[in-house]
Protein backbone atom coordinates (compact mmCIF):
# COMPACT_ATOMS: atom_id res chain seq x y z
CA MET A 1 0.00 0.00 0.00
CA LEU A 2 1.07 3.61 -0.53
CA PRO A 3 2.13 5.70 2.46
CA MET A 4 -0.70 7.86 3.80
CA GLU A 5 1.19 11.09 3.30
CA TYR A 6 1.52 10.49 -0.43
CA THR A 7 -0.49 13.05 -2.41
CA ALA A 8 -2.00 11.90 -5.69
CA LYS A 9 -2.02 15.38 -7.30
CA ARG A 10 1.73 15.78 -7.59
CA TYR A 11 1.61 17.41 -10.98
CA ALA A 12 -1.03 20.03 -10.26
CA GLY A 13 -0.32 23.35 -11.99
CA SER A 14 1.97 22.66 -14.90
CA GLY A 15 0.26 19.57 -16.22
CA SER A 16 3.63 18.01 -17.00
CA GLY A 17 5.31 17.54 -13.66
CA LEU A 18 8.39 19.49 -14.71
CA GLU A 19 8.31 21.65 -11.59
CA ARG A 20 9.12 18.54 -9.65
CA TYR A 21 12.42 17.93 -11.43
CA GLY A 22 13.35 21.15 -13.21
CA SER A 23 12.54 22.83 -16.48
CA MET A 24 13.00 21.35 -19.93
CA ALA A 25 16.37 22.15 -21.45
CA ALA A 26 16.42 22.87 -25.17
CA LEU A 27 18.59 20.32 -26.93
CA ALA A 28 21.09 22.04 -29.17
CA ASP A 29 21.73 19.00 -31.33
CA THR A 30 19.41 18.08 -34.21
CA PHE A 31 20.95 14.74 -35.13
CA TRP A 32 17.91 12.65 -34.20
CA ARG A 33 15.33 14.86 -35.86
CA GLY A 34 13.74 12.83 -38.66
CA LYS A 35 15.96 9.77 -38.11
CA ARG A 36 14.15 6.45 -38.51
CA VAL A 37 15.00 4.16 -35.58
CA PHE A 38 14.01 0.47 -35.32
CA ILE A 39 14.03 -0.91 -31.77
CA THR A 40 13.66 -4.59 -30.94
CA GLY A 41 12.31 -5.20 -27.46
CA HIS A 42 10.69 -1.76 -27.48
CA SER A 43 8.00 -2.82 -24.99
CA GLY A 44 10.49 -3.79 -22.29
CA PHE A 45 11.75 -1.67 -19.40
CA LYS A 46 14.58 0.03 -21.28
CA GLY A 47 12.73 -0.04 -24.57
CA VAL A 48 9.92 2.19 -23.32
CA TRP A 49 12.31 4.78 -21.90
CA LEU A 50 14.40 4.78 -25.08
CA SER A 51 11.39 5.03 -27.39
CA LEU A 52 9.96 8.00 -25.49
CA TRP A 53 13.31 9.77 -25.35
CA LEU A 54 13.90 9.31 -29.07
CA GLN A 55 10.43 10.62 -29.86
CA SER A 56 11.13 13.70 -27.74
CA LEU A 57 14.27 14.26 -29.85
CA GLY A 58 12.24 14.17 -33.07
CA ALA A 59 13.03 10.65 -34.24
CA GLU A 60 10.51 8.42 -35.99
CA VAL A 61 10.54 5.24 -33.91
CA PHE A 62 9.41 1.72 -34.87
CA GLY A 63 9.15 -1.21 -32.48
CA TYR A 64 9.37 -4.99 -32.75
CA SER A 65 8.43 -7.21 -29.81
CA THR A 66 6.58 -10.34 -28.75
CA SER A 67 4.45 -8.26 -26.35
CA GLY A 68 0.89 -7.48 -27.35
CA PRO A 69 -2.06 -5.66 -25.78
CA ALA A 70 -1.82 -7.79 -22.62
CA ALA A 71 1.27 -5.84 -21.59
CA ALA A 72 -0.81 -2.85 -20.52
CA SER A 73 -2.80 -4.98 -18.09
CA GLU A 74 0.49 -6.02 -16.49
CA GLY A 75 1.32 -2.41 -15.69
CA LYS A 76 3.49 -1.84 -18.75
CA PHE A 77 3.30 1.45 -20.61
CA ALA A 78 2.53 1.32 -24.32
CA VAL A 79 4.34 3.97 -26.36
CA GLN A 80 2.35 5.41 -29.27
CA MET A 81 4.39 4.26 -32.27
CA GLU A 82 4.22 1.91 -35.22
CA THR A 83 4.92 -1.59 -33.94
CA PHE A 84 5.37 -5.12 -35.27
CA ARG A 85 4.65 -8.20 -33.22
CA GLY A 86 6.75 -11.33 -33.56
CA ASP A 87 9.49 -13.50 -32.12
CA ILE A 88 13.01 -12.16 -32.59
CA CYS A 89 14.02 -15.48 -34.17
CA ASP A 90 11.21 -15.37 -36.73
CA ALA A 91 12.93 -14.09 -39.87
CA ASP A 92 9.68 -14.23 -41.84
CA LYS A 93 8.27 -11.50 -39.58
CA LEU A 94 11.37 -9.59 -38.53
CA HIS A 95 13.00 -9.12 -41.93
CA PRO A 96 9.89 -7.71 -43.67
CA ALA A 97 9.44 -5.30 -40.74
CA LEU A 98 12.93 -3.95 -41.30
CA ILE A 99 12.40 -3.63 -45.04
CA ALA A 100 9.03 -1.92 -44.56
CA THR A 101 10.34 0.71 -42.12
CA GLN A 102 13.69 1.42 -43.84
CA PRO A 103 15.43 2.51 -40.63
CA ASP A 104 18.61 4.54 -40.44
CA ILE A 105 19.54 3.08 -37.04
CA VAL A 106 18.71 -0.24 -35.38
CA ILE A 107 18.94 -0.79 -31.61
CA HIS A 108 18.59 -4.44 -30.63
CA MET A 109 17.34 -5.02 -27.08
CA ALA A 110 15.06 -8.05 -27.50
CA ALA A 111 16.47 -10.83 -25.33
CA GLN A 112 15.93 -13.28 -22.50
CA PRO A 113 17.28 -11.08 -19.69
CA PHE A 114 16.93 -13.20 -16.53
CA VAL A 115 19.78 -15.19 -14.95
CA ARG A 116 17.59 -17.63 -13.03
CA LYS A 117 15.24 -18.21 -15.96
CA ALA A 118 18.28 -19.13 -18.04
CA LEU A 119 19.09 -21.86 -15.52
CA GLN A 120 15.55 -23.22 -15.94
CA ASP A 121 15.46 -22.86 -19.74
CA PRO A 122 18.98 -22.74 -21.15
CA ILE A 123 17.95 -23.76 -24.67
CA GLY A 124 15.31 -21.03 -24.88
CA THR A 125 17.84 -18.52 -23.57
CA TYR A 126 20.44 -19.40 -26.21
CA GLN A 127 17.74 -19.38 -28.87
CA ALA A 128 16.52 -15.88 -27.98
CA ASN A 129 19.87 -14.29 -27.26
CA VAL A 130 22.17 -15.89 -29.82
CA ILE A 131 19.96 -16.98 -32.72
CA GLY A 132 17.79 -13.90 -32.23
CA THR A 133 20.82 -11.64 -32.62
CA ALA A 134 21.99 -13.50 -35.72
CA THR A 135 18.49 -13.25 -37.19
CA LEU A 136 18.40 -9.50 -36.56
CA LEU A 137 21.82 -8.92 -38.15
CA GLU A 138 20.90 -11.05 -41.15
CA GLY A 139 17.85 -8.80 -41.55
CA VAL A 140 20.11 -5.76 -41.49
CA ARG A 141 22.11 -7.35 -44.31
CA GLN A 142 18.96 -7.28 -46.41
CA CYS A 143 18.04 -3.69 -45.52
CA ASP A 144 20.24 -1.17 -47.32
CA SER A 145 18.93 1.84 -45.40
CA VAL A 146 20.63 0.87 -42.11
CA ARG A 147 23.82 2.79 -41.30
CA ALA A 148 24.28 1.97 -37.62
CA VAL A 149 23.39 -0.96 -35.34
CA ILE A 150 23.72 -1.26 -31.56
CA VAL A 151 23.31 -4.68 -29.95
CA VAL A 152 22.70 -4.45 -26.20
CA THR A 153 24.37 -7.19 -24.17
CA THR A 154 25.52 -7.04 -20.52
CA ASP A 155 28.49 -6.67 -18.20
CA LYS A 156 28.19 -10.42 -17.58
CA CYS A 157 29.55 -11.17 -21.07
CA TYR A 158 33.08 -11.02 -19.62
CA GLU A 159 34.89 -14.11 -18.37
CA ASN A 160 35.11 -13.59 -14.61
CA GLN A 161 38.77 -13.74 -13.60
CA ASP A 162 38.12 -13.02 -9.90
CA TRP A 163 40.33 -9.96 -9.98
CA ASP A 164 39.81 -6.62 -8.26
CA TRP A 165 39.99 -4.24 -11.21
CA ALA A 166 37.29 -3.37 -13.69
CA TYR A 167 36.89 -5.12 -17.03
CA ARG A 168 37.84 -3.35 -20.26
CA GLU A 169 36.38 -3.88 -23.70
CA VAL A 170 39.48 -5.83 -24.75
CA ASP A 171 39.22 -8.37 -21.93
CA ARG A 172 38.23 -11.96 -22.52
CA LEU A 173 34.57 -12.86 -23.05
CA GLY A 174 32.98 -15.88 -21.42
CA GLY A 175 30.53 -17.13 -18.84
CA SER A 176 30.08 -20.11 -16.53
CA ASP A 177 26.26 -20.03 -16.51
CA PRO A 178 23.78 -20.13 -19.43
CA TYR A 179 22.80 -16.47 -19.22
CA SER A 180 26.35 -15.12 -19.14
CA SER A 181 27.65 -17.44 -21.82
CA SER A 182 24.67 -16.63 -24.08
CA LYS A 183 25.62 -12.97 -23.83
CA ALA A 184 29.25 -13.76 -24.65
CA CYS A 185 27.97 -15.72 -27.66
CA MET A 186 25.95 -12.68 -28.72
CA GLU A 187 29.17 -10.68 -28.73
CA LEU A 188 30.83 -13.24 -30.99
CA VAL A 189 27.88 -13.14 -33.38
CA VAL A 190 28.09 -9.35 -33.53
CA ARG A 191 31.81 -9.44 -34.26
CA SER A 192 31.50 -12.09 -36.93
CA PHE A 193 28.72 -10.26 -38.81
CA ARG A 194 30.57 -6.96 -38.49
CA ASP A 195 33.83 -8.36 -39.83
CA SER A 196 32.22 -10.51 -42.51
CA PHE A 197 29.53 -8.23 -43.89
CA PHE A 198 29.70 -4.66 -42.56
CA ASN A 199 33.33 -3.51 -42.51
CA GLY A 200 33.40 -2.34 -46.11
CA ARG A 201 35.74 -5.13 -47.19
CA GLY A 202 33.59 -8.23 -46.66
CA VAL A 203 30.76 -9.75 -48.67
CA GLY A 204 29.10 -6.96 -50.65
CA GLY A 205 31.63 -4.36 -49.52
CA ARG A 206 29.07 -2.56 -47.37
CA ARG A 207 30.06 -0.30 -44.47
CA VAL A 208 27.68 -0.24 -41.48
CA GLY A 209 28.58 0.85 -37.96
CA VAL A 210 28.00 -2.16 -35.67
CA ALA A 211 28.65 -1.99 -31.93
CA SER A 212 27.74 -3.86 -28.76
CA ALA A 213 26.80 -2.00 -25.58
CA ARG A 214 27.60 -3.64 -22.24
CA ALA A 215 25.97 -2.47 -19.02
CA GLY A 216 24.87 -3.85 -15.67
CA ASN A 217 22.07 -3.42 -13.14
CA MET A 218 19.68 -0.58 -13.93
CA LEU A 219 17.19 1.30 -11.77
CA GLY A 220 14.12 3.20 -12.90
CA GLY A 221 10.35 3.22 -13.03
CA GLY A 222 8.42 0.94 -15.34
CA ASP A 223 10.47 -2.18 -14.67
CA TRP A 224 8.03 -5.03 -13.97
CA GLY A 225 10.45 -7.93 -14.48
CA LYS A 226 9.96 -10.83 -12.11
CA ASP A 227 12.92 -12.01 -10.06
CA ARG A 228 14.51 -8.56 -10.22
CA LEU A 229 15.29 -6.81 -6.97
CA VAL A 230 13.63 -3.41 -7.39
CA PRO A 231 10.39 -4.56 -9.09
CA ASP A 232 10.02 -7.35 -6.53
CA MET A 233 10.52 -4.83 -3.73
CA ILE A 234 8.02 -2.36 -5.14
CA ARG A 235 5.34 -5.02 -5.64
CA SER A 236 5.80 -6.22 -2.06
CA PHE A 237 5.80 -2.71 -0.58
CA ALA A 238 2.68 -1.75 -2.54
CA ALA A 239 0.91 -4.90 -1.34
CA GLY A 240 1.99 -4.36 2.26
CA THR A 241 4.02 -7.58 2.38
CA ALA A 242 7.67 -8.21 3.17
CA VAL A 243 10.03 -8.54 0.23
CA VAL A 244 12.07 -11.75 0.36
CA LEU A 245 15.84 -11.49 -0.17
CA ARG A 246 18.02 -14.39 -1.32
CA ASN A 247 21.44 -12.86 -0.84
CA PRO A 248 21.43 -9.49 0.96
CA THR A 249 25.23 -9.19 1.04
CA ALA A 250 25.67 -9.50 -2.73
CA LYS A 251 27.11 -6.35 -4.28
CA ARG A 252 26.25 -4.94 -7.68
CA PRO A 253 27.04 -1.77 -9.66
CA TRP A 254 23.74 0.17 -9.89
CA GLN A 255 22.83 2.89 -12.38
CA PHE A 256 19.76 4.89 -13.40
CA VAL A 257 18.31 3.68 -16.70
CA LEU A 258 18.69 7.02 -18.49
CA GLU A 259 22.42 7.08 -17.78
CA THR A 260 22.87 3.93 -19.84
CA LEU A 261 20.47 5.00 -22.57
CA ARG A 262 22.36 8.28 -22.99
CA GLY A 263 25.40 6.13 -23.72
CA TYR A 264 23.48 4.20 -26.36
CA LEU A 265 22.32 7.40 -28.04
CA LEU A 266 25.78 8.92 -28.10
CA LEU A 267 27.19 5.69 -29.48
CA ALA A 268 24.52 5.48 -32.18
CA GLU A 269 25.27 9.01 -33.34
CA ALA A 270 28.99 8.28 -33.46
CA LEU A 271 28.47 5.02 -35.36
CA TYR A 272 26.29 6.75 -37.90
CA GLU A 273 28.87 9.47 -38.58
CA ASP A 274 32.07 7.41 -38.35
CA PRO A 275 31.40 3.64 -38.46
CA ALA A 276 35.03 2.62 -38.86
CA ARG A 277 36.11 4.37 -35.69
CA TYR A 278 33.23 3.56 -33.37
CA SER A 279 32.33 -0.05 -34.25
CA GLY A 280 33.18 -2.53 -31.52
CA GLY A 281 32.36 -3.15 -27.87
CA TRP A 282 31.53 -0.38 -25.37
CA ASN A 283 31.11 -0.36 -21.59
CA PHE A 284 28.55 1.85 -19.83
CA GLY A 285 28.62 1.53 -16.06
CA PRO A 286 28.66 3.51 -12.82
CA GLY A 287 31.66 4.56 -10.80
CA ALA A 288 33.10 2.44 -8.00
CA SER A 289 31.20 4.47 -5.39
CA GLU A 290 27.88 3.19 -6.78
CA VAL A 291 28.73 -0.45 -6.08
CA ARG A 292 26.33 -1.30 -3.25
CA SER A 293 24.96 -4.38 -1.54
CA VAL A 294 21.42 -5.65 -2.02
CA GLU A 295 20.75 -4.86 1.62
CA TRP A 296 21.85 -1.24 1.16
CA ILE A 297 19.50 -0.83 -1.81
CA VAL A 298 16.63 -2.40 0.10
CA GLU A 299 17.14 -0.17 3.13
CA LYS A 300 17.29 3.03 1.08
CA LEU A 301 14.34 2.12 -1.14
CA ALA A 302 12.22 1.04 1.84
CA ALA A 303 12.96 4.29 3.67
CA ALA A 304 11.97 6.29 0.59
CA TRP A 305 8.73 4.33 0.19
CA SER A 306 7.28 4.32 3.72
CA ALA A 307 8.01 3.43 7.34
CA GLU A 308 5.87 0.29 6.93
CA ALA A 309 8.02 -1.20 4.17
CA LYS A 310 9.75 -4.38 5.34
CA TRP A 311 11.78 -7.35 4.15
CA ARG A 312 13.07 -10.75 5.26
CA ILE A 313 15.83 -13.14 4.23
CA GLN A 314 14.83 -16.37 2.51
CA PRO A 315 16.47 -19.42 4.18
CA GLY A 316 17.95 -22.38 2.33
CA GLN A 317 20.24 -22.86 -0.65
CA HIS A 318 19.86 -20.82 -3.82
CA PRO A 319 21.38 -21.15 -7.29
CA GLN A 320 24.81 -19.59 -7.48
CA GLU A 321 24.72 -16.13 -9.00
CA VAL A 322 27.38 -14.57 -11.18
CA PRO A 323 29.99 -12.67 -9.15
CA MET A 324 30.06 -8.93 -9.56
CA LEU A 325 31.78 -7.56 -12.64
CA ARG A 326 32.82 -3.92 -12.62
CA LEU A 327 33.21 -2.13 -15.91
CA ASP A 328 36.03 0.17 -16.95
CA CYS A 329 34.28 2.94 -18.90
CA ALA A 330 37.32 5.03 -19.79
CA LYS A 331 36.75 4.39 -23.49
CA ALA A 332 33.22 5.86 -23.40
CA ALA A 333 34.43 8.81 -21.36
CA LYS A 334 37.25 9.60 -23.77
CA GLU A 335 35.61 8.84 -27.13
CA LEU A 336 31.95 9.70 -26.44
CA SER A 337 32.27 12.22 -23.61
CA TRP A 338 29.97 9.94 -21.58
CA THR A 339 30.08 9.76 -17.80
CA PRO A 340 27.26 9.22 -15.28
CA VAL A 341 25.75 12.37 -13.77
CA LEU A 342 23.41 11.04 -11.05
CA ASP A 343 24.39 9.50 -7.75
CA LEU A 344 22.61 6.40 -6.52
CA ALA A 345 20.46 8.28 -4.00
CA GLU A 346 19.04 10.43 -6.81
CA ALA A 347 18.41 7.37 -8.97
CA LEU A 348 16.50 5.68 -6.15
CA ARG A 349 14.43 8.80 -5.48
CA MET A 350 13.37 9.10 -9.12
CA THR A 351 12.60 5.38 -9.21
CA VAL A 352 10.35 5.59 -6.16
CA ASP A 353 8.63 8.70 -7.56
CA TRP A 354 7.69 6.82 -10.74
CA TYR A 355 6.17 3.87 -8.90
CA ARG A 356 4.33 6.12 -6.46
CA ASP A 357 2.73 7.89 -9.39
CA PHE A 358 1.76 4.56 -10.94
CA TYR A 359 0.11 3.19 -7.80
CA ALA A 360 -1.61 6.52 -7.18
CA GLY A 361 -3.26 6.25 -10.58
CA ASN A 362 -1.44 9.26 -12.01
CA ASN A 363 -0.59 9.58 -15.69
CA VAL A 364 2.83 7.94 -15.89
CA ALA A 365 3.32 9.39 -19.38
CA GLU A 366 3.85 12.68 -17.57
CA THR A 367 6.27 11.03 -15.16
CA TYR A 368 8.32 9.61 -18.02
CA ALA A 369 8.37 13.00 -19.75
CA ALA A 370 9.31 14.89 -16.60
CA GLN A 371 12.16 12.57 -15.69
CA ILE A 372 13.54 12.50 -19.24
CA ALA A 373 13.42 16.31 -19.34
CA ALA A 374 15.07 16.62 -15.95
CA TYR A 375 17.79 14.14 -16.77
CA SER A 376 18.45 15.82 -20.13
CA ALA A 377 18.87 19.15 -18.36
CA ARG A 378 21.07 17.63 -15.67
CA SER A 379 23.35 15.85 -18.10
CA ASN A 380 23.51 18.93 -20.35
CA ALA A 381 22.47 16.57 -23.15
CA ARG A 382 23.81 18.38 -26.23
CA TRP A 383 25.08 15.13 -27.78
CA GLU A 384 28.48 16.69 -28.50
CA LEU A 385 31.28 14.20 -29.05
CA LEU A 386 34.95 14.76 -28.36
CA SER A 387 35.98 13.74 -31.86
CA PRO A 388 36.25 16.77 -34.21
CA ALA A 389 35.61 14.42 -37.16
CA VAL A 390 32.26 13.38 -35.71
CA ARG A 391 31.29 16.95 -34.84
CA GLY A 392 32.20 18.04 -38.36
CA ALA A 393 34.74 20.52 -37.03
């Protein structure tokens, strides 16, 4: 249940909620205006945020997902855009969708994203993550309009060496569990298609910017994934029950969803303008200070929700989870001028605000818009890159 002091009319006055976060900053860059962007997995947590942000920048956005009208009844927000419904491995549906929309940029986020589900269904996980990625890239081969592709993977694509320093893009890929190894396999698929078909020297001699984006645990409103910490917590708090924790001492690098998506957008712009330079793997993660335990996250989120929020530790043995992998993001900082701008406390506050609005029956479209506007202003989102060649200087 919601705390009693929560007021439903949080956006009274402006109608957009911007007074809660700050005013809209005018974006100086016009790169995205009129660009045609095809997003797989557009109905997922990150996909909704990305679709709305791109629309606010003037892009024409198309979506491809297995999710249909039932998603709205599950609490998911449906972005107003042209969409195609189908499995990511179904070439007979995916490839015509690409041809019909003629996108300039493709962002591939459709995947099986759950570690524990991968342990229960390893074959389905490899099918979705590996074959799905190959199917998408084969569709790009048949669509001459595409100039840049980003395939979203994870920080868990790296082979865990049990060392103390952060992983760089040149470090070894791997994985000892089905989820992690499927993501490493995705990376190999991306590299093989890039080198064979899209580097300007392979089959057909075509040059397309192709990159993979690796990130970790993300926070933000609109995430309804089961067996994820924050959505599980929010559902329990809203129902007035105790959230159950498997491993409260586990540490993870946490980051607000828009931080990572800003990295994707900067990378897409760079790929489009200079595919030879910017193709490859890219890390997008928080600083070392944002590595926190599950228990720390639970305590902070519970305090922000209400005094009645509670949790308990689940006894017994649980499947082994992948050890924490920290990312070295020096490449993104140097080449894309990307660094995180929010601290974890701010990310948690904005996350709680979104879910409070949802459970209060407020229009979450306004919440999305307000938080995107506020984050854009905070990050001074001009989309300027360090490279003079990319800026046209």
